[in-house]
Amino acid sequence: MSIRRPVHRTLVISGSLRAASVTTLIARTALAQAGPGHELVLAAGLDGLPLFNEDLDTDRPPPQVAALRAQVGSADSLFVLTPVYNAGISAALKNAIDWLSRPRDHCALAGKPVAGLVVGYHSQGAEHQLTTVLRAAGATALNVPLPMLGLRTIDQRDVTGDPRVRRTVQETLAVLRQAPDPVPGPPRSRSS
């Protein structure tokens, strides 16, 4: 009798809100490359999140926040992609991570294995910023240093077919498939 391996579920989060975003196209490329025993799901709702405000983070947080936390909570790992805006990660992604980093004692990101990818013309430190923010929020960054896909080096007319995109996504997914089970980290100090 063979033992069936459970499915590893990865939530893919695109930090871009633009409908025709290259970052989101790359995220969708990842969905198409899930292998056997690996389920990938695209996160929804970043565009509906209110700006992070601890006054709103009560026992009943805004519904969009509760929904995103539930999506992250049900995943075994995360694949986080961000465009580069003004030498850093997108505000939409940073806002989502801020919401996911609460409540501090048992947040959805605590110990969660995360692989990241930066997409832009010049990274200018966005890789470091994403790693720093994820770690500060309690996640376990897996693929450090993070890869960067340069918009000048990929075929933006055929993102899903570009060999550089496919190779980078495949390498990232391989890291996630090998991710250990999430191990909650110690409580972190509360900051405002």
N, C-alpha and C. Protein backbone atom coordinates (compact mmCIF):
# COMPACT_ATOMS: atom_id res chain seq x y z
N MET A 1 0.84 -1.18 0.00
CA MET A 1 0.00 0.00 0.00
C MET A 1 0.89 1.24 0.00
N SER A 2 0.67 2.12 -0.96
CA SER A 2 1.48 3.34 -1.03
C SER A 2 0.84 4.44 -0.21
N ILE A 3 1.71 5.25 0.37
CA ILE A 3 1.23 6.39 1.14
C ILE A 3 1.17 7.59 0.22
N ARG A 4 0.03 8.20 0.18
CA ARG A 4 -0.16 9.35 -0.69
C ARG A 4 0.42 10.60 -0.03
N ARG A 5 1.29 11.26 -0.75
CA ARG A 5 1.91 12.48 -0.24
C ARG A 5 0.88 13.61 -0.26
N PRO A 6 0.76 14.36 0.84
CA PRO A 6 -0.19 15.47 0.83
C PRO A 6 0.24 16.55 -0.17
N VAL A 7 -0.70 17.30 -0.61
CA VAL A 7 -0.42 18.38 -1.56
C VAL A 7 0.18 19.57 -0.82
N HIS A 8 1.26 20.10 -1.37
CA HIS A 8 1.88 21.31 -0.83
C HIS A 8 1.18 22.49 -1.48
N ARG A 9 0.60 23.37 -0.68
CA ARG A 9 -0.18 24.50 -1.20
C ARG A 9 0.62 25.79 -1.05
N THR A 10 0.86 26.47 -2.18
CA THR A 10 1.58 27.74 -2.18
C THR A 10 0.65 28.85 -2.61
N LEU A 11 0.59 29.89 -1.82
CA LEU A 11 -0.17 31.08 -2.18
C LEU A 11 0.77 32.03 -2.91
N VAL A 12 0.39 32.43 -4.13
CA VAL A 12 1.19 33.33 -4.95
C VAL A 12 0.62 34.73 -4.78
N ILE A 13 1.47 35.66 -4.36
CA ILE A 13 1.03 37.04 -4.11
C ILE A 13 1.77 37.98 -5.05
N SER A 14 1.01 38.67 -5.90
CA SER A 14 1.59 39.71 -6.75
C SER A 14 1.41 41.05 -6.07
N GLY A 15 2.50 41.79 -5.95
CA GLY A 15 2.45 43.10 -5.32
C GLY A 15 2.00 44.21 -6.24
N SER A 16 1.59 43.87 -7.46
CA SER A 16 1.12 44.89 -8.40
C SER A 16 -0.39 44.86 -8.49
N LEU A 17 -1.00 46.02 -8.53
CA LEU A 17 -2.46 46.13 -8.65
C LEU A 17 -2.90 46.39 -10.09
N ARG A 18 -1.95 46.69 -10.97
CA ARG A 18 -2.27 47.03 -12.36
C ARG A 18 -2.78 45.80 -13.10
N ALA A 19 -3.85 45.96 -13.85
CA ALA A 19 -4.49 44.84 -14.55
C ALA A 19 -3.54 44.14 -15.52
N ALA A 20 -2.74 44.89 -16.26
CA ALA A 20 -1.85 44.31 -17.27
C ALA A 20 -0.42 44.21 -16.75
N SER A 21 -0.25 44.04 -15.47
CA SER A 21 1.06 44.02 -14.84
C SER A 21 1.91 42.83 -15.29
N VAL A 22 3.17 43.10 -15.61
CA VAL A 22 4.12 42.03 -15.94
C VAL A 22 4.33 41.16 -14.70
N THR A 23 4.37 41.76 -13.53
CA THR A 23 4.55 41.00 -12.30
C THR A 23 3.43 39.98 -12.12
N THR A 24 2.19 40.40 -12.36
CA THR A 24 1.06 39.48 -12.23
C THR A 24 1.07 38.43 -13.34
N LEU A 25 1.52 38.80 -14.54
CA LEU A 25 1.66 37.81 -15.61
C LEU A 25 2.68 36.73 -15.21
N ILE A 26 3.75 37.14 -14.57
CA ILE A 26 4.75 36.18 -14.10
C ILE A 26 4.14 35.30 -13.00
N ALA A 27 3.34 35.89 -12.12
CA ALA A 27 2.65 35.10 -11.09
C ALA A 27 1.74 34.06 -11.73
N ARG A 28 1.03 34.46 -12.78
CA ARG A 28 0.15 33.51 -13.48
C ARG A 28 0.97 32.43 -14.20
N THR A 29 2.16 32.78 -14.66
CA THR A 29 3.06 31.79 -15.26
C THR A 29 3.41 30.73 -14.23
N ALA A 30 3.62 31.15 -12.99
CA ALA A 30 3.93 30.20 -11.92
C ALA A 30 2.77 29.22 -11.72
N LEU A 31 1.55 29.72 -11.78
CA LEU A 31 0.38 28.86 -11.58
C LEU A 31 0.37 27.71 -12.58
N ALA A 32 0.78 28.02 -13.80
CA ALA A 32 0.77 27.02 -14.87
C ALA A 32 1.91 26.01 -14.74
N GLN A 33 2.88 26.28 -13.85
CA GLN A 33 4.04 25.40 -13.72
C GLN A 33 4.02 24.54 -12.46
N ALA A 34 2.89 24.51 -11.78
CA ALA A 34 2.81 23.67 -10.58
C ALA A 34 2.97 22.20 -10.98
N GLY A 35 3.80 21.50 -10.26
CA GLY A 35 4.02 20.09 -10.56
C GLY A 35 3.12 19.21 -9.72
N PRO A 36 3.26 17.90 -9.88
CA PRO A 36 2.45 16.96 -9.10
C PRO A 36 2.65 17.18 -7.59
N GLY A 37 1.58 17.20 -6.86
CA GLY A 37 1.65 17.39 -5.41
C GLY A 37 1.89 18.82 -4.98
N HIS A 38 1.83 19.75 -5.92
CA HIS A 38 2.07 21.16 -5.60
C HIS A 38 0.93 21.99 -6.18
N GLU A 39 0.13 22.55 -5.33
CA GLU A 39 -1.00 23.40 -5.75
C GLU A 39 -0.61 24.85 -5.55
N LEU A 40 -0.80 25.67 -6.60
CA LEU A 40 -0.54 27.10 -6.50
C LEU A 40 -1.84 27.85 -6.70
N VAL A 41 -2.06 28.84 -5.84
CA VAL A 41 -3.28 29.64 -5.87
C VAL A 41 -2.88 31.11 -5.85
N LEU A 42 -3.47 31.91 -6.72
CA LEU A 42 -3.18 33.35 -6.77
C LEU A 42 -4.00 34.06 -5.70
N ALA A 43 -3.32 34.81 -4.85
CA ALA A 43 -4.00 35.56 -3.79
C ALA A 43 -4.90 36.62 -4.39
N ALA A 44 -5.99 36.86 -3.73
CA ALA A 44 -6.94 37.88 -4.16
C ALA A 44 -7.12 38.91 -3.07
N GLY A 45 -7.46 40.12 -3.47
CA GLY A 45 -7.89 41.11 -2.51
C GLY A 45 -6.92 42.16 -2.06
N LEU A 46 -5.68 42.18 -2.60
CA LEU A 46 -4.76 43.22 -2.15
C LEU A 46 -5.29 44.62 -2.47
N ASP A 47 -6.02 44.74 -3.58
CA ASP A 47 -6.54 46.05 -3.97
C ASP A 47 -7.66 46.53 -3.06
N GLY A 48 -8.25 45.66 -2.27
CA GLY A 48 -9.33 46.06 -1.37
C GLY A 48 -8.91 46.28 0.07
N LEU A 49 -7.63 46.08 0.36
CA LEU A 49 -7.16 46.26 1.74
C LEU A 49 -7.13 47.73 2.11
N PRO A 50 -7.63 48.07 3.30
CA PRO A 50 -7.44 49.46 3.75
C PRO A 50 -5.97 49.66 4.12
N LEU A 51 -5.56 50.91 4.18
CA LEU A 51 -4.20 51.19 4.66
C LEU A 51 -4.08 50.67 6.08
N PHE A 52 -2.90 50.11 6.39
CA PHE A 52 -2.72 49.53 7.72
C PHE A 52 -2.95 50.59 8.79
N ASN A 53 -3.77 50.24 9.77
CA ASN A 53 -4.10 51.13 10.87
C ASN A 53 -4.43 50.23 12.05
N GLU A 54 -3.62 50.28 13.09
CA GLU A 54 -3.84 49.40 14.25
C GLU A 54 -5.19 49.65 14.91
N ASP A 55 -5.77 50.82 14.73
CA ASP A 55 -7.10 51.07 15.29
C ASP A 55 -8.16 50.18 14.64
N LEU A 56 -7.90 49.76 13.38
CA LEU A 56 -8.85 48.88 12.69
C LEU A 56 -8.59 47.41 12.98
N ASP A 57 -7.44 47.11 13.56
CA ASP A 57 -7.05 45.72 13.79
C ASP A 57 -7.53 45.26 15.17
N THR A 58 -8.82 45.00 15.23
CA THR A 58 -9.47 44.58 16.47
C THR A 58 -9.74 43.08 16.39
N ASP A 59 -10.57 42.58 17.29
CA ASP A 59 -10.98 41.17 17.23
C ASP A 59 -11.74 40.88 15.95
N ARG A 60 -12.29 41.91 15.34
CA ARG A 60 -13.00 41.77 14.06
C ARG A 60 -12.36 42.73 13.05
N PRO A 61 -11.24 42.31 12.45
CA PRO A 61 -10.58 43.20 11.49
C PRO A 61 -11.44 43.38 10.25
N PRO A 62 -11.11 44.34 9.40
CA PRO A 62 -11.87 44.52 8.16
C PRO A 62 -11.97 43.18 7.41
N PRO A 63 -13.10 42.92 6.75
CA PRO A 63 -13.29 41.64 6.07
C PRO A 63 -12.20 41.30 5.05
N GLN A 64 -11.68 42.31 4.34
CA GLN A 64 -10.63 42.06 3.36
C GLN A 64 -9.36 41.56 4.04
N VAL A 65 -9.09 42.09 5.23
CA VAL A 65 -7.92 41.68 6.00
C VAL A 65 -8.09 40.25 6.49
N ALA A 66 -9.27 39.96 7.04
CA ALA A 66 -9.55 38.60 7.53
C ALA A 66 -9.43 37.59 6.39
N ALA A 67 -9.91 37.96 5.21
CA ALA A 67 -9.86 37.05 4.06
C ALA A 67 -8.41 36.78 3.64
N LEU A 68 -7.58 37.82 3.58
CA LEU A 68 -6.18 37.64 3.20
C LEU A 68 -5.45 36.80 4.25
N ARG A 69 -5.70 37.06 5.52
CA ARG A 69 -5.06 36.27 6.57
C ARG A 69 -5.47 34.80 6.47
N ALA A 70 -6.72 34.55 6.13
CA ALA A 70 -7.18 33.17 5.96
C ALA A 70 -6.48 32.50 4.77
N GLN A 71 -6.31 33.25 3.66
CA GLN A 71 -5.61 32.70 2.50
C GLN A 71 -4.18 32.31 2.87
N VAL A 72 -3.50 33.17 3.58
CA VAL A 72 -2.12 32.90 3.98
C VAL A 72 -2.08 31.76 4.99
N GLY A 73 -3.02 31.76 5.92
CA GLY A 73 -3.06 30.71 6.94
C GLY A 73 -3.27 29.33 6.36
N SER A 74 -3.99 29.24 5.24
CA SER A 74 -4.28 27.92 4.64
C SER A 74 -3.17 27.44 3.70
N ALA A 75 -2.15 28.27 3.50
CA ALA A 75 -1.04 27.91 2.61
C ALA A 75 0.12 27.31 3.39
N ASP A 76 0.84 26.39 2.73
CA ASP A 76 2.05 25.83 3.33
C ASP A 76 3.25 26.73 3.10
N SER A 77 3.20 27.53 2.03
CA SER A 77 4.29 28.45 1.71
C SER A 77 3.73 29.58 0.85
N LEU A 78 4.56 30.60 0.65
CA LEU A 78 4.17 31.76 -0.16
C LEU A 78 5.22 32.02 -1.23
N PHE A 79 4.74 32.48 -2.38
CA PHE A 79 5.61 32.97 -3.45
C PHE A 79 5.20 34.42 -3.65
N VAL A 80 6.06 35.35 -3.23
CA VAL A 80 5.75 36.77 -3.23
C VAL A 80 6.53 37.46 -4.33
N LEU A 81 5.82 38.13 -5.23
CA LEU A 81 6.44 38.86 -6.34
C LEU A 81 6.14 40.34 -6.18
N THR A 82 7.13 41.17 -6.45
CA THR A 82 6.90 42.60 -6.35
C THR A 82 7.54 43.34 -7.52
N PRO A 83 6.83 44.34 -8.03
CA PRO A 83 7.49 45.26 -8.95
C PRO A 83 8.37 46.21 -8.13
N VAL A 84 9.26 46.91 -8.81
CA VAL A 84 10.10 47.91 -8.14
C VAL A 84 9.49 49.28 -8.40
N TYR A 85 9.14 49.96 -7.33
CA TYR A 85 8.62 51.32 -7.42
C TYR A 85 9.51 52.22 -6.58
N ASN A 86 10.12 53.21 -7.20
CA ASN A 86 10.95 54.17 -6.47
C ASN A 86 11.98 53.48 -5.58
N ALA A 87 12.67 52.51 -6.16
CA ALA A 87 13.77 51.79 -5.52
C ALA A 87 13.33 50.86 -4.40
N GLY A 88 12.04 50.54 -4.32
CA GLY A 88 11.58 49.65 -3.26
C GLY A 88 10.43 48.77 -3.71
N ILE A 89 9.90 48.02 -2.76
CA ILE A 89 8.77 47.15 -3.06
C ILE A 89 7.50 47.99 -3.19
N SER A 90 6.47 47.41 -3.75
CA SER A 90 5.24 48.17 -3.96
C SER A 90 4.56 48.48 -2.63
N ALA A 91 3.88 49.62 -2.58
CA ALA A 91 3.14 50.01 -1.37
C ALA A 91 2.02 49.01 -1.08
N ALA A 92 1.39 48.48 -2.13
CA ALA A 92 0.32 47.50 -1.94
C ALA A 92 0.84 46.25 -1.23
N LEU A 93 2.02 45.78 -1.62
CA LEU A 93 2.59 44.61 -0.99
C LEU A 93 3.02 44.91 0.44
N LYS A 94 3.66 46.05 0.64
CA LYS A 94 4.09 46.42 2.00
C LYS A 94 2.87 46.53 2.92
N ASN A 95 1.78 47.10 2.43
CA ASN A 95 0.56 47.22 3.22
C ASN A 95 0.02 45.83 3.58
N ALA A 96 0.01 44.92 2.61
CA ALA A 96 -0.47 43.56 2.87
C ALA A 96 0.40 42.87 3.92
N ILE A 97 1.72 43.02 3.80
CA ILE A 97 2.62 42.39 4.77
C ILE A 97 2.41 42.99 6.16
N ASP A 98 2.19 44.30 6.23
CA ASP A 98 1.91 44.92 7.53
C ASP A 98 0.67 44.31 8.17
N TRP A 99 -0.40 44.12 7.40
CA TRP A 99 -1.61 43.49 7.92
C TRP A 99 -1.34 42.05 8.32
N LEU A 100 -0.56 41.33 7.52
CA LEU A 100 -0.28 39.92 7.80
C LEU A 100 0.66 39.72 8.99
N SER A 101 1.35 40.77 9.40
CA SER A 101 2.28 40.67 10.52
C SER A 101 1.58 40.80 11.87
N ARG A 102 0.29 40.97 11.84
CA ARG A 102 -0.51 41.12 13.06
C ARG A 102 -1.55 40.02 13.14
N PRO A 103 -2.04 39.66 14.30
CA PRO A 103 -1.54 40.06 15.61
C PRO A 103 -0.15 39.49 15.86
N ARG A 104 0.65 40.26 16.55
CA ARG A 104 2.06 39.94 16.72
C ARG A 104 2.31 38.56 17.32
N ASP A 105 1.50 38.14 18.26
CA ASP A 105 1.75 36.88 18.95
C ASP A 105 1.46 35.64 18.11
N HIS A 106 0.60 35.75 17.13
CA HIS A 106 0.27 34.59 16.28
C HIS A 106 -0.21 35.06 14.91
N CYS A 107 0.69 35.72 14.20
CA CYS A 107 0.34 36.26 12.89
C CYS A 107 0.39 35.17 11.82
N ALA A 108 -0.29 35.42 10.72
CA ALA A 108 -0.37 34.46 9.61
C ALA A 108 0.99 34.17 9.00
N LEU A 109 1.94 35.08 9.11
CA LEU A 109 3.26 34.89 8.51
C LEU A 109 4.26 34.19 9.41
N ALA A 110 3.91 33.98 10.68
CA ALA A 110 4.86 33.42 11.63
C ALA A 110 5.41 32.08 11.16
N GLY A 111 6.71 32.04 10.86
CA GLY A 111 7.37 30.83 10.45
C GLY A 111 7.02 30.34 9.05
N LYS A 112 6.23 31.09 8.32
CA LYS A 112 5.78 30.66 6.99
C LYS A 112 6.93 30.72 6.00
N PRO A 113 7.24 29.62 5.30
CA PRO A 113 8.29 29.66 4.28
C PRO A 113 7.86 30.54 3.09
N VAL A 114 8.74 31.45 2.69
CA VAL A 114 8.43 32.38 1.61
C VAL A 114 9.59 32.45 0.64
N ALA A 115 9.26 32.39 -0.65
CA ALA A 115 10.24 32.67 -1.70
C ALA A 115 9.79 33.94 -2.39
N GLY A 116 10.74 34.78 -2.76
CA GLY A 116 10.40 36.05 -3.38
C GLY A 116 11.01 36.22 -4.75
N LEU A 117 10.46 37.18 -5.47
CA LEU A 117 10.96 37.54 -6.80
C LEU A 117 10.69 39.02 -7.03
N VAL A 118 11.70 39.73 -7.51
CA VAL A 118 11.58 41.16 -7.79
C VAL A 118 11.57 41.34 -9.30
N VAL A 119 10.68 42.21 -9.79
CA VAL A 119 10.52 42.46 -11.22
C VAL A 119 10.65 43.96 -11.46
N GLY A 120 11.61 44.37 -12.30
CA GLY A 120 11.74 45.80 -12.55
C GLY A 120 12.87 46.11 -13.51
N TYR A 121 13.05 47.39 -13.80
CA TYR A 121 14.14 47.81 -14.67
C TYR A 121 15.46 47.82 -13.92
N HIS A 122 15.43 48.28 -12.68
CA HIS A 122 16.59 48.27 -11.79
C HIS A 122 16.09 47.90 -10.41
N SER A 123 16.79 47.03 -9.73
CA SER A 123 16.31 46.60 -8.41
C SER A 123 16.55 47.66 -7.36
N GLN A 124 17.72 48.28 -7.36
CA GLN A 124 18.07 49.34 -6.43
C GLN A 124 17.81 48.97 -4.98
N GLY A 125 17.97 47.68 -4.65
CA GLY A 125 17.82 47.26 -3.26
C GLY A 125 16.46 46.71 -2.90
N ALA A 126 15.56 46.58 -3.86
CA ALA A 126 14.22 46.07 -3.56
C ALA A 126 14.29 44.63 -3.02
N GLU A 127 15.26 43.84 -3.51
CA GLU A 127 15.40 42.46 -3.02
C GLU A 127 15.70 42.46 -1.52
N HIS A 128 16.63 43.32 -1.13
CA HIS A 128 16.99 43.41 0.29
C HIS A 128 15.79 43.90 1.11
N GLN A 129 15.09 44.89 0.58
CA GLN A 129 13.94 45.43 1.30
C GLN A 129 12.87 44.36 1.50
N LEU A 130 12.56 43.58 0.46
CA LEU A 130 11.54 42.55 0.58
C LEU A 130 11.96 41.49 1.60
N THR A 131 13.21 41.06 1.54
CA THR A 131 13.70 40.07 2.50
C THR A 131 13.60 40.61 3.93
N THR A 132 14.02 41.85 4.13
CA THR A 132 14.00 42.47 5.45
C THR A 132 12.58 42.56 6.00
N VAL A 133 11.65 43.02 5.16
CA VAL A 133 10.26 43.19 5.59
C VAL A 133 9.63 41.84 5.92
N LEU A 134 9.86 40.83 5.07
CA LEU A 134 9.29 39.50 5.33
C LEU A 134 9.83 38.92 6.63
N ARG A 135 11.12 39.02 6.84
CA ARG A 135 11.71 38.49 8.08
C ARG A 135 11.21 39.25 9.30
N ALA A 136 11.11 40.56 9.20
CA ALA A 136 10.61 41.36 10.33
C ALA A 136 9.16 40.99 10.66
N ALA A 137 8.41 40.56 9.64
CA ALA A 137 7.01 40.18 9.85
C ALA A 137 6.87 38.75 10.36
N GLY A 138 7.99 38.01 10.46
CA GLY A 138 7.96 36.68 11.03
C GLY A 138 8.07 35.54 10.04
N ALA A 139 8.14 35.83 8.75
CA ALA A 139 8.24 34.79 7.73
C ALA A 139 9.67 34.25 7.66
N THR A 140 9.81 33.08 7.05
CA THR A 140 11.11 32.48 6.82
C THR A 140 11.45 32.63 5.35
N ALA A 141 12.37 33.52 5.03
CA ALA A 141 12.77 33.76 3.64
C ALA A 141 13.65 32.61 3.18
N LEU A 142 13.28 31.96 2.08
CA LEU A 142 13.97 30.76 1.61
C LEU A 142 15.05 31.04 0.57
N ASN A 143 14.74 31.84 -0.43
CA ASN A 143 15.68 32.02 -1.55
C ASN A 143 16.39 33.36 -1.45
N VAL A 144 17.33 33.44 -0.53
CA VAL A 144 18.08 34.67 -0.32
C VAL A 144 19.49 34.46 -0.85
N PRO A 145 20.04 35.34 -1.67
CA PRO A 145 19.44 36.57 -2.16
C PRO A 145 18.33 36.30 -3.17
N LEU A 146 17.37 37.18 -3.16
CA LEU A 146 16.22 37.02 -4.05
C LEU A 146 16.62 37.27 -5.50
N PRO A 147 16.03 36.51 -6.42
CA PRO A 147 16.28 36.78 -7.83
C PRO A 147 15.54 38.03 -8.29
N MET A 148 16.05 38.61 -9.36
CA MET A 148 15.39 39.76 -9.97
C MET A 148 15.26 39.51 -11.46
N LEU A 149 14.07 39.72 -11.99
CA LEU A 149 13.86 39.65 -13.43
C LEU A 149 13.86 41.07 -13.97
N GLY A 150 14.83 41.36 -14.82
CA GLY A 150 14.94 42.69 -15.40
C GLY A 150 13.98 42.85 -16.57
N LEU A 151 13.21 43.90 -16.55
CA LEU A 151 12.23 44.14 -17.61
C LEU A 151 12.89 44.40 -18.96
N ARG A 152 14.15 44.80 -18.97
CA ARG A 152 14.85 44.99 -20.24
C ARG A 152 15.36 43.68 -20.81
N THR A 153 15.41 42.63 -20.00
CA THR A 153 15.99 41.36 -20.45
C THR A 153 14.95 40.30 -20.78
N ILE A 154 13.68 40.55 -20.49
CA ILE A 154 12.64 39.56 -20.80
C ILE A 154 11.75 40.07 -21.93
N ASP A 155 11.07 39.15 -22.58
CA ASP A 155 10.16 39.49 -23.67
C ASP A 155 8.81 39.88 -23.07
N GLN A 156 8.57 41.18 -22.93
CA GLN A 156 7.33 41.64 -22.31
C GLN A 156 6.10 41.39 -23.19
N ARG A 157 6.32 41.09 -24.47
CA ARG A 157 5.19 40.76 -25.34
C ARG A 157 4.74 39.32 -25.15
N ASP A 158 5.63 38.47 -24.61
CA ASP A 158 5.32 37.06 -24.37
C ASP A 158 5.96 36.63 -23.06
N VAL A 159 5.50 37.22 -21.96
CA VAL A 159 6.08 36.95 -20.65
C VAL A 159 5.99 35.47 -20.31
N THR A 160 4.84 34.86 -20.55
CA THR A 160 4.66 33.46 -20.16
C THR A 160 5.53 32.51 -20.96
N GLY A 161 5.95 32.90 -22.16
CA GLY A 161 6.79 32.04 -22.98
C GLY A 161 8.27 32.35 -22.89
N ASP A 162 8.64 33.43 -22.22
CA ASP A 162 10.04 33.82 -22.13
C ASP A 162 10.83 32.78 -21.33
N PRO A 163 11.93 32.25 -21.89
CA PRO A 163 12.69 31.21 -21.19
C PRO A 163 13.30 31.68 -19.87
N ARG A 164 13.70 32.96 -19.77
CA ARG A 164 14.25 33.47 -18.52
C ARG A 164 13.20 33.47 -17.42
N VAL A 165 11.99 33.90 -17.79
CA VAL A 165 10.89 33.92 -16.82
C VAL A 165 10.58 32.49 -16.37
N ARG A 166 10.43 31.59 -17.32
CA ARG A 166 10.08 30.20 -17.00
C ARG A 166 11.16 29.56 -16.11
N ARG A 167 12.43 29.78 -16.43
CA ARG A 167 13.52 29.20 -15.65
C ARG A 167 13.53 29.76 -14.22
N THR A 168 13.39 31.08 -14.09
CA THR A 168 13.40 31.69 -12.76
C THR A 168 12.23 31.20 -11.93
N VAL A 169 11.06 31.11 -12.54
CA VAL A 169 9.87 30.62 -11.83
C VAL A 169 10.07 29.16 -11.43
N GLN A 170 10.58 28.34 -12.34
CA GLN A 170 10.81 26.92 -12.03
C GLN A 170 11.79 26.76 -10.87
N GLU A 171 12.85 27.54 -10.87
CA GLU A 171 13.83 27.46 -9.78
C GLU A 171 13.21 27.88 -8.45
N THR A 172 12.38 28.91 -8.48
CA THR A 172 11.71 29.37 -7.26
C THR A 172 10.73 28.33 -6.76
N LEU A 173 9.96 27.73 -7.67
CA LEU A 173 9.00 26.70 -7.26
C LEU A 173 9.70 25.48 -6.70
N ALA A 174 10.87 25.14 -7.23
CA ALA A 174 11.64 24.01 -6.71
C ALA A 174 12.03 24.26 -5.25
N VAL A 175 12.42 25.50 -4.94
CA VAL A 175 12.76 25.87 -3.56
C VAL A 175 11.53 25.71 -2.67
N LEU A 176 10.37 26.15 -3.16
CA LEU A 176 9.14 26.07 -2.36
C LEU A 176 8.70 24.63 -2.15
N ARG A 177 8.87 23.78 -3.16
CA ARG A 177 8.47 22.37 -3.02
C ARG A 177 9.28 21.67 -1.93
N GLN A 178 10.48 22.15 -1.70
CA GLN A 178 11.35 21.57 -0.68
C GLN A 178 11.19 22.27 0.68
N ALA A 179 10.29 23.23 0.76
CA ALA A 179 10.13 24.02 1.98
C ALA A 179 9.70 23.13 3.15
N PRO A 180 10.30 23.35 4.30
CA PRO A 180 9.85 22.62 5.48
C PRO A 180 8.49 23.12 5.93
N ASP A 181 7.83 22.37 6.77
CA ASP A 181 6.56 22.83 7.32
C ASP A 181 6.80 24.12 8.10
N PRO A 182 5.82 25.03 8.08
CA PRO A 182 5.99 26.28 8.83
C PRO A 182 6.26 26.02 10.31
N VAL A 183 7.22 26.74 10.85
CA VAL A 183 7.54 26.66 12.27
C VAL A 183 7.31 28.04 12.85
N PRO A 184 6.27 28.19 13.67
CA PRO A 184 6.02 29.52 14.23
C PRO A 184 7.23 30.04 14.99
N GLY A 185 7.53 31.29 14.75
CA GLY A 185 8.65 31.92 15.41
C GLY A 185 8.24 32.46 16.77
N PRO A 186 9.20 32.94 17.53
CA PRO A 186 8.89 33.51 18.85
C PRO A 186 8.13 34.82 18.69
N PRO A 187 7.33 35.19 19.67
CA PRO A 187 6.63 36.48 19.60
C PRO A 187 7.64 37.60 19.40
N ARG A 188 7.25 38.58 18.62
CA ARG A 188 8.13 39.71 18.34
C ARG A 188 7.64 40.91 19.13
N SER A 189 8.54 41.85 19.37
CA SER A 189 8.14 43.04 20.11
C SER A 189 7.17 43.87 19.26
N ARG A 190 6.26 44.49 19.93
CA ARG A 190 5.23 45.29 19.23
C ARG A 190 5.80 46.66 18.91
N SER A 191 5.59 47.11 17.68
CA SER A 191 6.03 48.45 17.30
C SER A 191 4.86 49.19 16.69
N SER A 192 4.93 50.49 16.71
CA SER A 192 3.81 51.26 16.16
C SER A 192 4.16 51.87 14.84
